[in-house]
Protein backbone atom coordinates (compact mmCIF):
# COMPACT_ATOMS: atom_id res chain seq x y z
CA MET A 1 0.59 31.62 30.53
CA SER A 2 3.89 31.92 32.32
CA ALA A 3 7.05 32.47 30.31
CA LEU A 4 8.28 29.24 31.90
CA THR A 5 5.38 27.23 30.46
CA ASP A 6 6.28 24.79 27.71
CA PRO A 7 4.68 26.16 24.51
CA LEU A 8 3.59 22.66 23.48
CA GLU A 9 1.80 22.12 26.78
CA GLU A 10 0.32 25.61 26.50
CA GLY A 11 -0.96 24.83 22.99
CA PHE A 12 -2.38 21.51 24.13
CA LYS A 13 -4.30 23.19 26.96
CA HIS A 14 -5.69 25.78 24.55
CA HIS A 15 -6.59 23.03 22.10
CA GLN A 16 -8.40 21.01 24.77
CA THR A 17 -10.50 24.00 25.77
CA GLY A 18 -11.39 25.05 22.22
CA ARG A 19 -9.11 28.07 21.95
CA MET A 20 -7.94 27.06 18.49
CA ARG A 21 -6.26 30.33 17.50
CA GLU A 22 -4.12 30.26 20.63
CA ALA A 23 -3.32 26.58 20.11
CA HIS A 24 -2.29 27.31 16.51
CA GLN A 25 0.04 30.08 17.69
CA ALA A 26 1.64 27.89 20.35
CA TYR A 27 2.16 24.93 18.01
CA THR A 28 3.62 27.26 15.39
CA ARG A 29 6.12 28.60 17.94
CA VAL A 30 7.22 25.06 18.76
CA LEU A 31 7.56 24.08 15.10
CA GLU A 32 9.55 27.21 14.28
CA GLN A 33 12.15 26.10 16.85
CA LYS A 34 11.84 22.32 16.35
CA PRO A 35 10.32 21.51 12.94
CA ASP A 36 10.74 17.77 13.56
CA ASN A 37 8.90 17.66 16.89
CA ALA A 38 6.56 14.71 16.33
CA SER A 39 4.16 15.70 19.12
CA ALA A 40 3.82 19.28 17.86
CA LEU A 41 3.33 18.02 14.31
CA TYR A 42 0.66 15.59 15.44
CA LEU A 43 -1.21 18.19 17.47
CA PHE A 44 -0.92 20.79 14.71
CA GLY A 45 -2.17 18.22 12.19
CA THR A 46 -5.12 17.42 14.43
CA LEU A 47 -5.89 21.13 14.71
CA CYS A 48 -5.76 21.46 10.91
CA LEU A 49 -8.10 18.48 10.57
CA GLN A 50 -10.57 20.05 12.97
CA ALA A 51 -10.40 23.32 11.02
CA GLY A 52 -11.16 21.51 7.76
CA ASN A 53 -7.72 22.04 6.25
CA LEU A 54 -7.46 18.44 5.11
CA ASP A 55 -4.41 18.75 2.85
CA ARG A 56 -2.32 20.42 5.56
CA ALA A 57 -3.61 17.94 8.15
CA ALA A 58 -2.64 14.94 6.04
CA GLU A 59 0.80 16.38 5.31
CA THR A 60 1.50 17.23 8.94
CA LEU A 61 0.15 13.99 10.41
CA ALA A 62 2.12 11.95 7.89
CA LYS A 63 5.32 13.78 8.83
CA SER A 64 4.63 13.14 12.51
CA ALA A 65 4.16 9.42 11.86
CA GLU A 66 7.28 9.32 9.70
CA ILE A 67 9.37 10.85 12.47
CA ASP A 68 7.93 8.90 15.38
CA GLY A 69 5.39 6.37 14.13
CA ASP A 70 6.00 3.96 16.99
CA ASN A 71 5.22 6.47 19.74
CA HIS A 72 1.64 5.66 20.63
CA SER A 73 1.62 8.13 23.53
CA THR A 74 1.87 10.95 20.99
CA ARG A 75 -1.34 9.87 19.34
CA LEU A 76 -3.15 8.85 22.51
CA ASN A 77 -2.17 11.72 24.78
CA GLY A 78 -1.11 14.45 22.42
CA ILE A 79 2.06 15.16 24.33
CA ASN A 80 5.11 12.95 24.13
CA THR A 81 5.99 12.03 27.69
């Protein structure tokens, strides 16, 4: 990926194509810089759910909803537009 690529978009593309390790790394980079990014939290929580890490998924998805529970595009599209 280009250095100019948004790490959240990069993670989402990896996630969509099943490259879960790469998606995890990209989402982690976003959350290190912006720990309250609702889209990154939602996507990371979804990734945790898919990996079977239910406690972390519940925690992360709840935080995403708490921050931006009215943003349906986050949940429907993964990326907040």
